[in-house]
Amino acid sequence: MPRSLRSIVGLLGDLAAHRRGIYFSDLPESFDDLCLADILAMISLLSGPFVKDSIRFFDEIEVRRSLLTAQAALIDWPAGFHGYLDRVRSLRAGSSRGALPNWSYVQREFPFLLVNLKSNHSGISARPLEAMREEMANYIEEHLPHAISGRPTLTGKPSTWVSFWGSVRCLQLSVQKAREVLNGGTLDILTVSDAGNLKYLVRRTDLKHLKARVESIKTGAEFRREHDLLLPHEASKLLHVRTWTIRNLIEANLVEAVQVQHAICCSARSLNKLMNRLAKVSTSIERRGAGLIELTRCSNVSSAKPCDVIENVLVGKLKLFCWGKRSGMRTFLIEKQALMKRFPIIPSGYVTVAEVTKDSCFSRGYIAESIRLGLLACIPHPRGKGILISRDGLAKLQRRYVSCKELATIYGLAYATISEELKLAPHPIAVGFGVLLRKAALARLDAAFLRI
């Protein structure tokens, strides 16, 4: 007898003699009732994934291999059985032996063993069979925790690990709060990758703790209600203003604000405080005059924002009126002329392009080319309507440069005639398209033509 098979053959001899020998002493008590038929069925079952059905038990080499496989699986229980399952997984027998597309992950890994252990096609006795099912379920939960159907399928008992999101749905918990628990790391949650997708598992014994932890978390809405906070759009409905007005008040520190999760919220108490301060410095009126405008509409006639007007009202630079036929911030009125004087739309010293082109010396093309060349300073219009041009810059431009339109007015000539004459000058006169050096251009044309 080969030495490599001494253990398995010795066990067969002990079973045939109806005695429990020294072989396989690490087997649990469930294997005490083993009989010769059971061990032969185990040999057939354990060697099934490694041999061909057509030559099993008929080829000497295959018989020896079957005995060695069963011996390696049963020696040093349960570590030997776990090593046997590792070999079966590495063999990937399920990919070529009867695996169906709709099978679960465990069925694909152990198709032959799962079917035989579950249905007991091999005829093994109940107690040894139950021990093998239990140990295979332990292996699956240790090495394949995302295959949570393994233990229920094999033993009918609930699995140790359960799906995190499935538990959230079954317990009817808030998804938002559960996500905070998942990201917070306050619970022992196992993350596994299954076919490129992340799965989150939690122990069944931790479900009560999960429920308590989720229920103890407050959502943003609950926190806002508890601390009397309002989102900008909620505050805008309360004051009857636009949302951007609330954001401007927050930026100007006229209203207290805190960040709740990813949102900026303002305090309802600070809003009431601001309204009370405005009411104290305002003057009540019975009728609305034609020269008054609502504080919230100040941007229509001036360059000021509501927060700018409020700041000036609180320091006494503007007079505020209170008209009781409106609600929220719309009840406050401002003198239109005083507002326009304090915050003019066009700053002092600047003019619009339309006003500049009224002069016969300037055209829009000449202004645009001068700005492009950096010869004329400009700023954006406060209302977003184009640009504004500096009066000083315009005067400086006119002293040093001249346009063809102005030359045509001075000499009463056509553009073509002026252009042909200037081309004959010994030195370049044009610094850009239609922008000419004044002294050089006038000197050249004075030599050829008379001014009107």
Protein backbone atom coordinates (compact mmCIF):
# COMPACT_ATOMS: atom_id res chain seq x y z
CA MET A 1 0.00 0.00 0.00
CA PRO A 2 1.43 3.43 -0.92
CA ARG A 3 2.41 5.50 2.10
CA SER A 4 0.60 8.50 0.67
CA LEU A 5 -2.70 6.63 1.00
CA ARG A 6 -2.08 5.12 4.46
CA SER A 7 -4.47 7.49 6.27
CA ILE A 8 -7.49 7.08 4.00
CA VAL A 9 -7.00 3.31 3.66
CA GLY A 10 -6.58 3.01 7.44
CA LEU A 11 -9.84 4.86 7.93
CA LEU A 12 -11.56 2.53 5.47
CA GLY A 13 -10.19 -0.46 7.42
CA ASP A 14 -11.40 0.95 10.75
CA LEU A 15 -14.86 1.58 9.33
CA ALA A 16 -15.00 -1.91 7.83
CA ALA A 17 -14.07 -3.33 11.25
CA HIS A 18 -16.67 -1.10 12.98
CA ARG A 19 -14.12 0.69 15.16
CA ARG A 20 -12.92 4.28 15.49
CA GLY A 21 -9.17 4.37 14.90
CA ILE A 22 -6.46 6.95 15.20
CA TYR A 23 -6.88 8.19 11.65
CA PHE A 24 -8.63 11.50 11.12
CA SER A 25 -8.68 12.22 14.82
CA ASP A 26 -9.38 15.91 14.04
CA LEU A 27 -12.82 15.16 12.59
CA PRO A 28 -15.71 16.54 14.72
CA GLU A 29 -18.12 14.35 16.65
CA SER A 30 -20.58 14.56 13.77
CA PHE A 31 -18.37 12.08 11.95
CA ASP A 32 -18.56 9.47 14.73
CA ASP A 33 -21.46 7.76 12.97
CA LEU A 34 -19.54 7.34 9.72
CA CYS A 35 -19.95 4.01 8.01
CA LEU A 36 -18.09 2.48 5.09
CA ALA A 37 -20.80 3.61 2.66
CA ASP A 38 -20.49 7.20 3.93
CA ILE A 39 -16.74 7.40 3.43
CA LEU A 40 -17.05 5.90 -0.06
CA ALA A 41 -19.73 8.46 -0.89
CA MET A 42 -17.47 11.23 0.47
CA ILE A 43 -14.61 10.04 -1.70
CA SER A 44 -16.88 10.10 -4.72
CA LEU A 45 -18.22 13.55 -3.83
CA LEU A 46 -14.89 15.20 -3.03
CA SER A 47 -13.15 13.85 -6.12
CA GLY A 48 -16.06 14.76 -8.40
CA PRO A 49 -14.76 18.18 -9.55
CA PHE A 50 -11.33 16.74 -10.47
CA VAL A 51 -12.07 13.52 -12.41
CA LYS A 52 -14.05 12.60 -15.46
CA ASP A 53 -17.37 10.83 -14.96
CA SER A 54 -16.69 8.31 -17.69
CA ILE A 55 -13.58 6.80 -16.03
CA ARG A 56 -14.29 7.34 -12.32
CA PHE A 57 -13.43 4.26 -10.24
CA PHE A 58 -12.37 2.38 -13.35
CA ASP A 59 -8.88 3.78 -13.84
CA GLU A 60 -6.22 3.05 -11.23
CA ILE A 61 -4.67 6.49 -11.54
CA GLU A 62 -8.02 8.18 -11.11
CA VAL A 63 -8.87 6.01 -8.11
CA ARG A 64 -5.58 6.93 -6.43
CA ARG A 65 -6.18 10.62 -7.21
CA SER A 66 -9.67 10.39 -5.74
CA LEU A 67 -8.33 8.84 -2.55
CA LEU A 68 -5.62 11.50 -2.22
CA THR A 69 -8.18 14.28 -2.76
CA ALA A 70 -10.50 12.93 -0.06
CA GLN A 71 -7.60 12.35 2.33
CA ALA A 72 -6.33 15.95 1.91
CA ALA A 73 -9.82 17.33 2.50
CA LEU A 74 -10.53 15.30 5.64
CA ILE A 75 -7.12 15.54 7.35
CA ASP A 76 -6.70 18.50 9.73
CA TRP A 77 -10.38 19.44 9.74
CA PRO A 78 -11.48 22.17 8.98
CA ALA A 79 -8.25 23.67 7.53
CA GLY A 80 -7.85 20.71 5.16
CA PHE A 81 -11.43 21.09 3.92
CA HIS A 82 -10.86 24.84 3.36
CA GLY A 83 -7.72 24.07 1.36
CA TYR A 84 -9.75 21.60 -0.72
CA LEU A 85 -12.33 24.33 -1.44
CA ASP A 86 -9.52 26.67 -2.51
CA ARG A 87 -8.42 24.06 -5.04
CA VAL A 88 -11.96 23.72 -6.35
CA ARG A 89 -12.24 27.51 -6.75
CA SER A 90 -8.90 27.73 -8.56
CA LEU A 91 -10.07 24.96 -10.89
CA ARG A 92 -13.11 27.08 -11.91
CA ALA A 93 -15.04 23.91 -12.60
CA GLY A 94 -18.29 25.86 -12.81
CA SER A 95 -17.24 27.61 -16.00
CA SER A 96 -17.22 24.35 -17.93
CA ARG A 97 -19.43 21.93 -16.04
CA GLY A 98 -23.06 22.82 -16.18
CA ALA A 99 -23.06 26.45 -14.92
CA LEU A 100 -26.08 28.39 -16.16
CA PRO A 101 -26.16 32.15 -16.91
CA ASN A 102 -28.74 32.85 -14.19
CA TRP A 103 -26.85 31.04 -11.43
CA SER A 104 -25.67 32.85 -8.31
CA TYR A 105 -22.01 33.50 -7.51
CA VAL A 106 -21.81 30.47 -5.18
CA GLN A 107 -23.33 28.22 -7.82
CA ARG A 108 -20.73 29.37 -10.34
CA GLU A 109 -17.85 28.74 -7.91
CA PHE A 110 -19.04 25.36 -6.58
CA PRO A 111 -21.66 23.96 -8.99
CA PHE A 112 -20.93 20.28 -8.35
CA LEU A 113 -20.49 20.50 -4.57
CA LEU A 114 -23.43 22.82 -4.01
CA VAL A 115 -25.90 20.63 -5.85
CA ASN A 116 -24.69 17.41 -4.19
CA LEU A 117 -24.47 18.79 -0.66
CA LYS A 118 -27.80 20.55 -0.90
CA SER A 119 -29.72 17.63 -2.42
CA ASN A 120 -27.55 14.81 -0.97
CA HIS A 121 -27.23 12.96 -4.25
CA SER A 122 -24.21 11.12 -2.83
CA GLY A 123 -26.20 9.42 -0.04
CA ILE A 124 -24.08 10.59 2.92
CA SER A 125 -25.62 10.24 6.39
CA ALA A 126 -27.40 13.22 7.92
CA ARG A 127 -24.88 14.26 10.62
CA PRO A 128 -21.70 14.13 8.49
CA LEU A 129 -23.57 15.82 5.66
CA GLU A 130 -24.74 18.64 7.97
CA ALA A 131 -21.17 19.12 9.24
CA MET A 132 -19.86 19.47 5.68
CA ARG A 133 -22.62 21.95 4.79
CA GLU A 134 -21.88 24.04 7.88
CA GLU A 135 -18.15 24.14 7.24
CA MET A 136 -18.63 25.06 3.58
CA ALA A 137 -20.95 27.89 4.67
CA ASN A 138 -18.23 29.08 7.08
CA TYR A 139 -15.72 29.07 4.24
CA ILE A 140 -18.02 31.06 1.97
CA GLU A 141 -18.63 33.73 4.63
CA GLU A 142 -14.90 34.02 5.30
CA HIS A 143 -13.64 34.10 1.71
CA LEU A 144 -16.74 35.17 -0.27
CA PRO A 145 -18.67 37.46 2.10
CA HIS A 146 -20.61 39.11 -0.74
CA ALA A 147 -22.16 35.70 -1.55
CA ILE A 148 -24.71 36.15 1.25
CA SER A 149 -26.94 33.42 -0.19
CA GLY A 150 -24.38 30.69 0.57
CA ARG A 151 -25.38 29.80 4.15
CA PRO A 152 -29.16 29.95 3.57
CA THR A 153 -28.77 27.79 0.47
CA LEU A 154 -26.64 25.14 2.18
CA THR A 155 -28.01 25.03 5.72
CA GLY A 156 -31.28 26.97 5.65
CA LYS A 157 -29.93 29.28 8.37
CA PRO A 158 -29.61 33.06 8.04
CA SER A 159 -26.25 34.37 6.84
CA THR A 160 -23.84 36.31 9.05
CA TRP A 161 -23.52 39.15 6.55
CA VAL A 162 -26.45 41.01 5.01
CA SER A 163 -26.65 43.72 2.39
CA PHE A 164 -26.33 47.21 3.87
CA TRP A 165 -28.77 48.89 1.48
CA GLY A 166 -31.12 45.91 1.58
CA SER A 167 -31.25 46.24 5.36
CA VAL A 168 -31.94 49.98 5.04
CA ARG A 169 -34.92 49.25 2.80
CA CYS A 170 -36.26 46.46 5.01
CA LEU A 171 -35.96 48.56 8.16
CA GLN A 172 -37.54 51.54 6.34
CA LEU A 173 -34.68 53.85 7.28
CA SER A 174 -33.78 57.17 5.74
CA VAL A 175 -31.44 56.73 2.77
CA GLN A 176 -29.82 60.11 3.46
CA LYS A 177 -29.08 59.22 7.09
CA ALA A 178 -27.85 55.76 6.11
CA ARG A 179 -25.42 57.32 3.65
CA GLU A 180 -24.00 59.46 6.45
CA VAL A 181 -23.48 56.32 8.57
CA LEU A 182 -21.80 54.62 5.61
CA ASN A 183 -19.42 57.53 5.01
CA GLY A 184 -18.84 58.23 8.70
CA GLY A 185 -17.20 54.89 9.48
CA THR A 186 -18.99 54.52 12.83
CA LEU A 187 -20.16 50.99 12.00
CA ASP A 188 -18.27 47.82 11.02
CA ILE A 189 -19.19 47.75 7.34
CA LEU A 190 -17.47 45.41 4.88
CA THR A 191 -16.83 46.70 1.36
CA VAL A 192 -16.34 44.08 -1.36
CA SER A 193 -16.07 44.27 -5.14
CA ASP A 194 -18.32 42.03 -7.20
CA ALA A 195 -17.83 42.19 -10.97
CA GLY A 196 -16.53 45.75 -10.67
CA ASN A 197 -19.42 46.91 -8.45
CA LEU A 198 -18.91 47.84 -4.81
CA LYS A 199 -21.16 46.09 -2.30
CA TYR A 200 -21.55 47.05 1.33
CA LEU A 201 -22.24 44.35 3.92
CA VAL A 202 -23.07 44.59 7.60
CA ARG A 203 -23.23 41.86 10.21
CA ARG A 204 -26.70 40.65 11.09
CA THR A 205 -25.92 41.18 14.77
CA ASP A 206 -25.22 44.89 14.05
CA LEU A 207 -28.64 45.62 12.54
CA LYS A 208 -30.04 46.94 15.83
CA HIS A 209 -27.02 49.19 16.21
CA LEU A 210 -27.43 50.32 12.58
CA LYS A 211 -31.06 51.24 13.15
CA ALA A 212 -30.26 53.13 16.36
CA ARG A 213 -27.34 54.94 14.71
CA VAL A 214 -29.40 55.99 11.70
CA GLU A 215 -32.33 57.17 13.80
CA SER A 216 -29.99 59.24 15.99
CA ILE A 217 -28.74 61.25 13.00
CA LYS A 218 -30.53 64.47 12.16
CA THR A 219 -31.05 65.46 8.56
CA GLY A 220 -30.42 68.96 7.33
CA ALA A 221 -34.14 69.75 7.38
CA GLU A 222 -34.49 68.52 10.98
CA PHE A 223 -31.46 70.55 12.07
CA ARG A 224 -32.83 73.68 10.40
CA ARG A 225 -36.22 73.28 12.06
CA GLU A 226 -34.60 72.76 15.46
CA HIS A 227 -32.36 75.85 15.20
CA ASP A 228 -34.84 78.06 13.31
CA LEU A 229 -32.73 78.33 10.15
CA LEU A 230 -33.94 79.11 6.65
CA LEU A 231 -32.55 78.37 3.23
CA PRO A 232 -32.10 81.43 0.97
CA HIS A 233 -35.20 80.66 -1.11
CA GLU A 234 -37.26 80.19 2.08
CA ALA A 235 -36.02 83.50 3.47
CA SER A 236 -36.80 85.21 0.15
CA LYS A 237 -40.44 84.13 0.40
CA LEU A 238 -40.59 85.43 3.97
CA LEU A 239 -39.25 88.89 3.05
CA HIS A 240 -40.85 89.00 -0.43
CA VAL A 241 -37.52 89.54 -2.15
CA ARG A 242 -35.44 87.59 -4.63
CA THR A 243 -33.01 84.89 -3.59
CA TRP A 244 -29.97 86.86 -4.75
CA THR A 245 -31.04 89.68 -2.39
CA ILE A 246 -30.80 87.28 0.57
CA ARG A 247 -27.36 86.16 -0.59
CA ASN A 248 -26.25 89.81 -0.83
CA LEU A 249 -27.49 90.45 2.72
CA ILE A 250 -25.49 87.45 3.92
CA GLU A 251 -22.36 88.61 2.10
CA ALA A 252 -22.75 92.10 3.63
CA ASN A 253 -23.04 90.53 7.14
CA LEU A 254 -26.47 92.11 7.62
CA VAL A 255 -27.92 88.66 8.26
CA GLU A 256 -26.35 85.84 10.30
CA ALA A 257 -25.65 82.69 8.32
CA VAL A 258 -24.31 79.20 9.04
CA GLN A 259 -23.42 76.28 6.82
CA VAL A 260 -25.57 73.18 7.27
CA GLN A 261 -24.08 70.27 5.32
CA HIS A 262 -23.61 71.75 1.82
CA ALA A 263 -26.09 74.64 2.12
CA ILE A 264 -25.78 78.16 3.51
CA CYS A 265 -28.69 78.96 5.85
CA CYS A 266 -29.65 82.26 7.45
CA SER A 267 -31.10 82.73 10.91
CA ALA A 268 -34.78 83.65 11.10
CA ARG A 269 -33.98 85.57 14.29
CA SER A 270 -31.44 87.77 12.45
CA LEU A 271 -33.97 88.44 9.67
CA ASN A 272 -36.54 89.64 12.22
CA LYS A 273 -33.85 91.72 13.90
CA LEU A 274 -32.98 93.41 10.60
CA MET A 275 -36.64 94.16 9.86
CA ASN A 276 -37.07 95.67 13.32
CA ARG A 277 -34.00 97.88 12.85
CA LEU A 278 -35.36 99.15 9.54
CA ALA A 279 -38.78 99.77 11.07
CA LYS A 280 -37.23 101.87 13.85
CA VAL A 281 -35.37 104.20 11.46
CA SER A 282 -38.24 104.51 8.95
CA THR A 283 -41.01 107.10 8.75
CA SER A 284 -44.60 105.91 8.36
CA ILE A 285 -46.63 107.34 5.48
CA GLU A 286 -50.27 106.93 4.51
CA ARG A 287 -49.91 107.48 0.77
CA ARG A 288 -47.16 106.56 -1.59
CA GLY A 289 -45.75 109.52 -3.48
CA ALA A 290 -44.56 109.45 -7.09
CA GLY A 291 -40.99 110.16 -6.05
CA LEU A 292 -40.68 107.00 -3.92
CA ILE A 293 -39.51 103.56 -4.96
CA GLU A 294 -39.46 100.26 -3.13
CA LEU A 295 -36.18 99.41 -1.44
CA THR A 296 -36.11 96.04 -3.19
CA ARG A 297 -36.29 97.77 -6.60
CA CYS A 298 -33.42 100.19 -6.01
CA SER A 299 -31.29 98.50 -8.70
CA ASN A 300 -33.79 99.63 -11.36
CA VAL A 301 -32.84 103.31 -11.05
CA SER A 302 -29.36 103.20 -9.49
CA SER A 303 -26.16 101.21 -9.25
CA ALA A 304 -26.90 100.22 -5.63
CA LYS A 305 -27.91 96.81 -4.34
CA PRO A 306 -30.49 96.47 -1.54
CA CYS A 307 -27.69 95.76 0.95
CA ASP A 308 -25.97 99.04 -0.06
CA VAL A 309 -29.17 100.99 0.52
CA ILE A 310 -29.78 99.29 3.90
CA GLU A 311 -26.27 100.12 5.07
CA ASN A 312 -26.75 103.79 4.13
CA VAL A 313 -30.17 103.88 5.79
CA LEU A 314 -28.83 102.47 9.06
CA VAL A 315 -26.11 105.14 9.25
CA GLY A 316 -28.53 107.93 8.35
CA LYS A 317 -27.27 108.78 4.85
CA LEU A 318 -30.61 107.92 3.21
CA LYS A 319 -34.15 108.40 4.46
CA LEU A 320 -36.45 105.39 4.69
CA PHE A 321 -40.25 105.38 4.57
CA CYS A 322 -42.66 102.67 5.69
CA TRP A 323 -45.88 102.08 3.75
CA GLY A 324 -48.22 99.66 5.50
CA LYS A 325 -49.92 98.35 2.35
CA ARG A 326 -47.05 96.00 1.52
CA SER A 327 -45.51 93.05 3.39
CA GLY A 328 -41.97 91.94 4.02
CA MET A 329 -39.21 94.23 2.81
CA ARG A 330 -41.47 95.68 0.13
CA THR A 331 -43.08 97.83 2.79
CA PHE A 332 -39.96 100.09 2.84
CA LEU A 333 -39.62 102.94 0.32
CA ILE A 334 -36.73 105.22 -0.69
CA GLU A 335 -36.67 108.66 -2.32
CA LYS A 336 -35.78 108.04 -5.96
CA GLN A 337 -33.83 111.28 -6.54
CA ALA A 338 -31.76 110.91 -3.38
CA LEU A 339 -31.00 107.32 -4.32
CA MET A 340 -29.94 108.23 -7.87
CA LYS A 341 -27.76 111.05 -6.51
CA ARG A 342 -26.12 108.78 -3.96
CA PHE A 343 -25.66 105.84 -6.36
CA PRO A 344 -25.67 107.13 -9.95
CA ILE A 345 -25.80 104.51 -12.64
CA ILE A 346 -23.04 106.23 -14.61
CA PRO A 347 -20.11 107.30 -12.39
CA SER A 348 -18.91 110.89 -12.53
CA GLY A 349 -16.40 111.54 -15.31
CA TYR A 350 -17.67 108.78 -17.63
CA VAL A 351 -19.99 108.79 -20.64
CA THR A 352 -21.63 106.10 -22.73
CA VAL A 353 -20.55 105.20 -26.26
CA ALA A 354 -23.88 106.47 -27.56
CA GLU A 355 -23.20 109.91 -26.10
CA VAL A 356 -19.66 109.98 -27.52
CA THR A 357 -20.76 109.10 -31.07
CA LYS A 358 -23.17 112.03 -31.11
CA ASP A 359 -20.08 114.15 -31.76
CA SER A 360 -19.26 114.31 -35.48
CA CYS A 361 -15.59 113.66 -34.71
CA PHE A 362 -16.10 110.12 -33.37
CA SER A 363 -17.51 106.90 -34.77
CA ARG A 364 -18.06 103.52 -33.11
CA GLY A 365 -15.30 101.96 -35.19
CA TYR A 366 -12.82 104.68 -34.17
CA ILE A 367 -13.72 104.26 -30.48
CA ALA A 368 -13.39 100.47 -30.69
CA GLU A 369 -10.00 100.64 -32.44
CA SER A 370 -8.69 103.19 -29.92
CA ILE A 371 -9.70 100.91 -27.03
CA ARG A 372 -8.09 97.93 -28.74
CA LEU A 373 -4.82 99.85 -29.16
CA GLY A 374 -4.93 100.89 -25.48
CA LEU A 375 -5.26 104.58 -26.33
CA LEU A 376 -8.62 105.05 -24.59
CA ALA A 377 -9.59 103.96 -21.06
CA CYS A 378 -12.99 102.39 -20.38
CA ILE A 379 -14.86 100.51 -17.63
CA PRO A 380 -17.83 98.08 -17.73
CA HIS A 381 -21.31 99.57 -17.45
CA PRO A 382 -22.71 99.01 -13.89
CA ARG A 383 -25.91 97.61 -15.38
CA GLY A 384 -24.10 95.39 -17.84
CA LYS A 385 -25.03 97.55 -20.84
CA GLY A 386 -21.73 97.85 -22.69
CA ILE A 387 -18.91 100.10 -21.51
CA LEU A 388 -18.32 103.61 -20.19
CA ILE A 389 -15.58 105.91 -21.48
CA SER A 390 -13.57 108.35 -19.40
CA ARG A 391 -14.03 112.01 -20.36
CA ASP A 392 -10.39 112.78 -19.53
CA GLY A 393 -9.22 109.88 -21.66
CA LEU A 394 -11.41 111.05 -24.53
CA ALA A 395 -9.94 114.58 -24.36
CA LYS A 396 -6.41 113.18 -24.27
CA LEU A 397 -7.17 110.98 -27.30
CA GLN A 398 -8.52 113.94 -29.22
CA ARG A 399 -5.38 116.01 -28.54
CA ARG A 400 -2.99 113.40 -29.91
CA TYR A 401 -5.00 111.48 -32.52
CA VAL A 402 -7.59 112.20 -35.19
CA SER A 403 -10.07 110.13 -37.18
CA CYS A 404 -10.82 110.24 -40.90
CA LYS A 405 -14.35 111.38 -40.01
CA GLU A 406 -12.99 114.46 -38.19
CA LEU A 407 -10.58 115.25 -41.08
CA ALA A 408 -13.44 115.05 -43.55
CA THR A 409 -15.35 117.56 -41.43
CA ILE A 410 -12.34 119.92 -41.17
CA TYR A 411 -11.47 119.96 -44.89
CA GLY A 412 -14.84 119.09 -46.44
CA LEU A 413 -13.33 116.24 -48.44
CA ALA A 414 -14.31 112.65 -49.09
CA TYR A 415 -12.63 109.80 -47.22
CA ALA A 416 -11.00 108.48 -50.40
CA THR A 417 -9.34 111.80 -51.16
CA ILE A 418 -7.93 112.07 -47.63
CA SER A 419 -6.66 108.50 -47.71
CA GLU A 420 -4.88 108.95 -51.07
CA GLU A 421 -3.16 112.11 -49.86
CA LEU A 422 -2.03 110.57 -46.56
CA LYS A 423 -0.55 107.56 -48.38
CA LEU A 424 1.92 109.95 -50.10
CA ALA A 425 3.36 111.07 -46.74
CA PRO A 426 7.08 110.12 -46.30
CA HIS A 427 6.43 108.74 -42.80
CA PRO A 428 3.54 106.50 -41.55
CA ILE A 429 0.73 108.53 -40.09
CA ALA A 430 -1.75 105.74 -39.17
CA VAL A 431 -1.24 103.89 -35.86
CA GLY A 432 -4.28 101.68 -36.37
CA PHE A 433 -7.28 101.21 -38.61
CA GLY A 434 -8.69 104.75 -38.95
CA VAL A 435 -6.59 106.13 -36.05
CA LEU A 436 -4.12 108.81 -37.25
CA LEU A 437 -1.51 111.00 -35.61
CA ARG A 438 -3.15 114.44 -35.39
CA LYS A 439 -0.14 116.74 -35.95
CA ALA A 440 1.31 114.73 -38.82
CA ALA A 441 -2.05 114.30 -40.57
CA LEU A 442 -2.98 117.99 -40.28
CA ALA A 443 0.47 119.13 -41.47
CA ARG A 444 0.23 116.91 -44.58
CA LEU A 445 -3.31 117.98 -45.46
CA ASP A 446 -2.68 121.69 -44.73
CA ALA A 447 0.04 121.63 -47.38
CA ALA A 448 -2.40 120.32 -49.99
CA PHE A 449 -5.85 121.61 -49.02
CA LEU A 450 -7.54 124.52 -47.30
CA ARG A 451 -9.61 124.11 -44.19
CA ILE A 452 -13.28 125.04 -44.24
